């Protein structure tokens, strides 16, 4: 599992960021945590429930998501996606999210 250097995180989770990242890496249950990752196809971003990342598929290095955001709840994840896309558009003038995070 890889985390972006420009990681977006919900304001309610900022104090617990290190613990949340550790729990995601070690597969500990976090029922209210959602992650935002770069899409593997032509889409911009994908939202995953943290429980999905516990599957064997995501443990393989080539399938590990590149996480760009962590949110509390699904609606928080949607709000965070909107913030990310607005920031990318403001800074680059385009919607090339992958280029923005892989610089």
N, C-alpha and C. Protein backbone atom coordinates (compact mmCIF):
# COMPACT_ATOMS: atom_id res chain seq x y z
N UNK A 1 0.84 -1.16 0.00
CA UNK A 1 0.00 0.00 0.00
C UNK A 1 0.89 1.24 0.00
N UNK A 2 0.58 2.14 -0.91
CA UNK A 2 1.39 3.35 -1.04
C UNK A 2 0.53 4.57 -0.75
N UNK A 3 1.11 5.54 -0.06
CA UNK A 3 0.41 6.77 0.26
C UNK A 3 1.10 7.92 -0.46
N UNK A 4 0.30 8.85 -0.95
CA UNK A 4 0.82 10.03 -1.64
C UNK A 4 1.49 10.96 -0.64
N UNK A 5 2.48 11.69 -1.10
CA UNK A 5 3.09 12.72 -0.28
C UNK A 5 2.16 13.90 -0.08
N UNK A 6 1.19 14.05 -0.99
CA UNK A 6 0.18 15.13 -0.90
C UNK A 6 -1.13 14.55 -0.39
N UNK A 7 -1.07 13.74 0.66
CA UNK A 7 -2.23 13.03 1.18
C UNK A 7 -3.29 14.00 1.70
N UNK A 8 -4.51 13.85 1.20
CA UNK A 8 -5.64 14.61 1.70
C UNK A 8 -6.30 13.78 2.79
N UNK A 9 -6.68 14.44 3.88
CA UNK A 9 -7.31 13.73 4.99
C UNK A 9 -8.42 14.60 5.56
N UNK A 10 -9.51 13.96 5.95
CA UNK A 10 -10.62 14.69 6.55
C UNK A 10 -10.15 15.41 7.81
N UNK A 11 -10.70 16.57 8.05
CA UNK A 11 -10.27 17.37 9.20
C UNK A 11 -10.49 16.65 10.52
N UNK A 12 -11.51 15.80 10.60
CA UNK A 12 -11.78 15.08 11.84
C UNK A 12 -10.76 13.96 12.11
N UNK A 13 -9.97 13.60 11.10
CA UNK A 13 -9.02 12.50 11.24
C UNK A 13 -7.57 12.95 11.30
N UNK A 14 -7.31 14.25 11.22
CA UNK A 14 -5.93 14.73 11.15
C UNK A 14 -5.09 14.31 12.35
N UNK A 15 -5.69 14.29 13.54
CA UNK A 15 -4.95 13.91 14.74
C UNK A 15 -4.56 12.44 14.74
N UNK A 16 -5.36 11.61 14.04
CA UNK A 16 -5.15 10.16 14.06
C UNK A 16 -4.55 9.62 12.77
N UNK A 17 -3.98 10.46 11.95
CA UNK A 17 -3.49 10.06 10.63
C UNK A 17 -2.48 8.91 10.71
N UNK A 18 -1.52 9.01 11.57
CA UNK A 18 -0.50 7.96 11.70
C UNK A 18 -1.09 6.63 12.10
N UNK A 19 -2.00 6.65 13.04
CA UNK A 19 -2.65 5.41 13.51
C UNK A 19 -3.50 4.80 12.40
N UNK A 20 -4.22 5.64 11.67
CA UNK A 20 -5.07 5.13 10.58
C UNK A 20 -4.22 4.49 9.50
N UNK A 21 -3.12 5.14 9.12
CA UNK A 21 -2.24 4.58 8.09
C UNK A 21 -1.65 3.24 8.57
N UNK A 22 -1.26 3.16 9.83
CA UNK A 22 -0.73 1.91 10.38
C UNK A 22 -1.78 0.81 10.33
N UNK A 23 -3.02 1.15 10.71
CA UNK A 23 -4.10 0.16 10.69
C UNK A 23 -4.41 -0.29 9.26
N UNK A 24 -4.33 0.62 8.30
CA UNK A 24 -4.56 0.24 6.91
C UNK A 24 -3.47 -0.72 6.43
N UNK A 25 -2.23 -0.44 6.78
CA UNK A 25 -1.12 -1.30 6.36
C UNK A 25 -1.19 -2.69 7.00
N UNK A 26 -1.62 -2.75 8.25
CA UNK A 26 -1.62 -4.02 8.96
C UNK A 26 -2.95 -4.76 8.90
N UNK A 27 -3.95 -4.19 8.24
CA UNK A 27 -5.22 -4.87 8.05
C UNK A 27 -6.15 -4.85 9.25
N UNK A 28 -5.98 -3.91 10.12
CA UNK A 28 -6.87 -3.79 11.28
C UNK A 28 -8.21 -3.22 10.84
N UNK A 29 -9.31 -3.67 11.43
CA UNK A 29 -10.63 -3.17 11.02
C UNK A 29 -10.85 -1.71 11.42
N UNK A 30 -11.42 -0.97 10.48
CA UNK A 30 -11.78 0.44 10.69
C UNK A 30 -13.10 0.68 9.97
N UNK A 31 -14.21 0.42 10.62
CA UNK A 31 -15.50 0.42 9.92
C UNK A 31 -15.93 1.76 9.32
N UNK A 32 -15.42 2.87 9.80
CA UNK A 32 -15.90 4.16 9.28
C UNK A 32 -14.91 4.83 8.33
N UNK A 33 -13.80 4.18 8.02
CA UNK A 33 -12.75 4.80 7.20
C UNK A 33 -12.91 4.41 5.73
N UNK A 34 -12.85 5.40 4.87
CA UNK A 34 -12.84 5.21 3.42
C UNK A 34 -11.57 5.83 2.87
N UNK A 35 -11.01 5.21 1.84
CA UNK A 35 -9.80 5.75 1.22
C UNK A 35 -10.10 6.13 -0.22
N UNK A 36 -9.40 7.13 -0.70
CA UNK A 36 -9.51 7.59 -2.09
C UNK A 36 -8.19 7.25 -2.76
N UNK A 37 -8.27 6.55 -3.88
CA UNK A 37 -7.07 6.11 -4.57
C UNK A 37 -7.13 6.51 -6.03
N UNK A 38 -5.96 6.60 -6.65
CA UNK A 38 -5.91 6.84 -8.09
C UNK A 38 -6.51 5.64 -8.80
N UNK A 39 -7.31 5.89 -9.81
CA UNK A 39 -7.95 4.81 -10.55
C UNK A 39 -6.93 4.09 -11.43
N UNK A 40 -7.12 2.80 -11.58
CA UNK A 40 -6.22 2.02 -12.42
C UNK A 40 -6.62 2.10 -13.90
N UNK A 41 -7.83 2.58 -14.17
CA UNK A 41 -8.29 2.73 -15.55
C UNK A 41 -8.34 4.21 -15.91
N UNK A 42 -9.20 4.61 -16.79
CA UNK A 42 -9.26 6.00 -17.26
C UNK A 42 -10.03 6.94 -16.34
N UNK A 43 -10.64 6.40 -15.29
CA UNK A 43 -11.34 7.26 -14.34
C UNK A 43 -10.33 8.11 -13.57
N UNK A 44 -10.82 9.07 -12.83
CA UNK A 44 -9.93 9.93 -12.06
C UNK A 44 -9.55 9.30 -10.73
N UNK A 45 -10.56 9.02 -9.90
CA UNK A 45 -10.31 8.51 -8.55
C UNK A 45 -11.31 7.40 -8.22
N UNK A 46 -10.95 6.58 -7.25
CA UNK A 46 -11.84 5.52 -6.77
C UNK A 46 -11.95 5.64 -5.26
N UNK A 47 -13.13 5.31 -4.74
CA UNK A 47 -13.36 5.31 -3.30
C UNK A 47 -13.49 3.86 -2.85
N UNK A 48 -12.71 3.49 -1.84
CA UNK A 48 -12.74 2.14 -1.28
C UNK A 48 -13.08 2.22 0.20
N UNK A 49 -13.87 1.27 0.67
CA UNK A 49 -14.02 1.10 2.11
C UNK A 49 -12.74 0.44 2.61
N UNK A 50 -12.30 0.81 3.79
CA UNK A 50 -11.02 0.27 4.29
C UNK A 50 -11.05 -1.25 4.41
N UNK A 51 -12.21 -1.84 4.59
CA UNK A 51 -12.32 -3.30 4.67
C UNK A 51 -11.96 -3.99 3.37
N UNK A 52 -12.17 -3.33 2.25
CA UNK A 52 -11.82 -3.94 0.96
C UNK A 52 -10.31 -4.15 0.84
N UNK A 53 -9.53 -3.29 1.45
CA UNK A 53 -8.07 -3.38 1.34
C UNK A 53 -7.49 -4.56 2.12
N UNK A 54 -8.33 -5.24 2.88
CA UNK A 54 -7.88 -6.41 3.63
C UNK A 54 -7.87 -7.67 2.76
N UNK A 55 -8.43 -7.60 1.57
CA UNK A 55 -8.48 -8.76 0.68
C UNK A 55 -7.09 -9.09 0.14
N UNK A 56 -6.88 -10.36 -0.17
CA UNK A 56 -5.57 -10.82 -0.66
C UNK A 56 -5.16 -10.12 -1.95
N UNK A 57 -6.13 -9.78 -2.78
CA UNK A 57 -5.84 -9.12 -4.05
C UNK A 57 -5.02 -7.85 -3.84
N UNK A 58 -5.38 -7.05 -2.85
CA UNK A 58 -4.72 -5.78 -2.62
C UNK A 58 -3.40 -5.92 -1.87
N UNK A 59 -3.10 -7.10 -1.36
CA UNK A 59 -1.83 -7.32 -0.66
C UNK A 59 -0.67 -7.46 -1.65
N UNK A 60 -0.96 -7.85 -2.89
CA UNK A 60 0.08 -7.98 -3.91
C UNK A 60 0.53 -6.59 -4.35
N UNK A 61 1.83 -6.46 -4.52
CA UNK A 61 2.40 -5.14 -4.81
C UNK A 61 1.83 -4.51 -6.07
N UNK A 62 1.62 -5.28 -7.12
CA UNK A 62 1.12 -4.72 -8.38
C UNK A 62 -0.34 -4.30 -8.27
N UNK A 63 -1.07 -4.78 -7.27
CA UNK A 63 -2.48 -4.42 -7.10
C UNK A 63 -2.71 -3.40 -6.00
N UNK A 64 -1.66 -3.04 -5.29
CA UNK A 64 -1.80 -2.11 -4.16
C UNK A 64 -2.24 -0.75 -4.67
N UNK A 65 -3.26 -0.18 -4.05
CA UNK A 65 -3.73 1.14 -4.50
C UNK A 65 -2.78 2.25 -4.07
N UNK A 66 -2.75 3.30 -4.85
CA UNK A 66 -1.98 4.50 -4.52
C UNK A 66 -2.96 5.46 -3.86
N UNK A 67 -2.90 5.55 -2.55
CA UNK A 67 -3.89 6.28 -1.77
C UNK A 67 -3.54 7.77 -1.73
N UNK A 68 -4.53 8.59 -2.11
CA UNK A 68 -4.33 10.04 -2.12
C UNK A 68 -5.22 10.74 -1.11
N UNK A 69 -6.13 9.99 -0.45
CA UNK A 69 -7.01 10.61 0.54
C UNK A 69 -7.58 9.61 1.51
N UNK A 70 -7.86 10.07 2.71
CA UNK A 70 -8.48 9.25 3.76
C UNK A 70 -9.62 10.07 4.34
N UNK A 71 -10.80 9.43 4.45
CA UNK A 71 -11.98 10.16 4.92
C UNK A 71 -12.76 9.34 5.93
N UNK A 72 -13.54 10.06 6.74
CA UNK A 72 -14.44 9.43 7.69
C UNK A 72 -15.82 9.36 7.05
N UNK A 73 -16.29 8.17 6.72
CA UNK A 73 -17.59 7.98 6.11
C UNK A 73 -17.58 8.19 4.61
N UNK A 74 -18.59 7.62 3.96
CA UNK A 74 -18.66 7.72 2.50
C UNK A 74 -18.92 9.15 2.05
N UNK A 75 -19.80 9.86 2.73
CA UNK A 75 -20.08 11.24 2.32
C UNK A 75 -18.84 12.12 2.51
N UNK A 76 -18.05 11.84 3.54
CA UNK A 76 -16.79 12.56 3.73
C UNK A 76 -15.83 12.27 2.59
N UNK A 77 -15.84 11.03 2.09
CA UNK A 77 -14.98 10.67 0.97
C UNK A 77 -15.40 11.39 -0.30
N UNK A 78 -16.69 11.51 -0.52
CA UNK A 78 -17.19 12.23 -1.70
C UNK A 78 -16.79 13.70 -1.62
N UNK A 79 -16.95 14.30 -0.44
CA UNK A 79 -16.54 15.69 -0.25
C UNK A 79 -15.04 15.87 -0.49
N UNK A 80 -14.25 14.92 -0.03
CA UNK A 80 -12.80 14.99 -0.21
C UNK A 80 -12.42 14.85 -1.69
N UNK A 81 -13.14 14.00 -2.42
CA UNK A 81 -12.90 13.86 -3.86
C UNK A 81 -13.17 15.19 -4.56
N UNK A 82 -14.25 15.85 -4.18
CA UNK A 82 -14.56 17.15 -4.79
C UNK A 82 -13.46 18.16 -4.48
N UNK A 83 -12.97 18.16 -3.25
CA UNK A 83 -11.87 19.07 -2.88
C UNK A 83 -10.61 18.77 -3.69
N UNK A 84 -10.29 17.50 -3.86
CA UNK A 84 -9.10 17.10 -4.62
C UNK A 84 -9.20 17.58 -6.06
N UNK A 85 -10.34 17.32 -6.68
CA UNK A 85 -10.51 17.68 -8.09
C UNK A 85 -10.48 19.20 -8.27
N UNK A 86 -11.08 19.94 -7.33
CA UNK A 86 -11.03 21.40 -7.42
C UNK A 86 -9.60 21.91 -7.27
N UNK A 87 -8.83 21.32 -6.35
CA UNK A 87 -7.43 21.73 -6.18
C UNK A 87 -6.60 21.43 -7.42
N UNK A 88 -6.82 20.25 -8.01
CA UNK A 88 -6.08 19.88 -9.21
C UNK A 88 -6.41 20.85 -10.34
N UNK A 89 -7.68 21.16 -10.52
CA UNK A 89 -8.08 22.10 -11.58
C UNK A 89 -7.50 23.48 -11.33
N UNK A 90 -7.51 23.95 -10.09
CA UNK A 90 -6.99 25.27 -9.76
C UNK A 90 -5.48 25.35 -10.00
N UNK A 91 -4.75 24.30 -9.64
CA UNK A 91 -3.29 24.35 -9.75
C UNK A 91 -2.75 24.01 -11.13
N UNK A 92 -3.45 23.15 -11.87
CA UNK A 92 -2.93 22.72 -13.16
C UNK A 92 -3.73 23.23 -14.35
N UNK A 93 -4.97 23.63 -14.12
CA UNK A 93 -5.82 24.07 -15.22
C UNK A 93 -6.43 22.93 -16.00
N UNK A 94 -6.27 21.70 -15.53
CA UNK A 94 -6.83 20.52 -16.19
C UNK A 94 -7.24 19.52 -15.12
N UNK A 95 -7.82 18.41 -15.56
CA UNK A 95 -8.27 17.38 -14.64
C UNK A 95 -7.34 16.17 -14.65
N UNK A 96 -6.08 16.38 -14.87
CA UNK A 96 -5.12 15.28 -14.91
C UNK A 96 -4.65 14.95 -13.49
N UNK A 97 -5.48 14.21 -12.77
CA UNK A 97 -5.23 13.91 -11.36
C UNK A 97 -3.99 13.03 -11.20
N UNK A 98 -3.82 12.07 -12.10
CA UNK A 98 -2.68 11.16 -11.99
C UNK A 98 -1.35 11.91 -12.11
N UNK A 99 -1.27 12.84 -13.03
CA UNK A 99 -0.04 13.62 -13.21
C UNK A 99 0.20 14.52 -11.99
N UNK A 100 -0.86 15.05 -11.41
CA UNK A 100 -0.75 15.92 -10.25
C UNK A 100 -0.14 15.18 -9.06
N UNK A 101 -0.56 13.94 -8.84
CA UNK A 101 -0.09 13.18 -7.67
C UNK A 101 1.21 12.42 -7.93
N UNK A 102 1.57 12.19 -9.17
CA UNK A 102 2.79 11.42 -9.44
C UNK A 102 3.97 12.30 -9.82
N UNK A 103 3.86 13.60 -9.63
CA UNK A 103 4.96 14.52 -9.93
C UNK A 103 6.14 14.23 -9.03
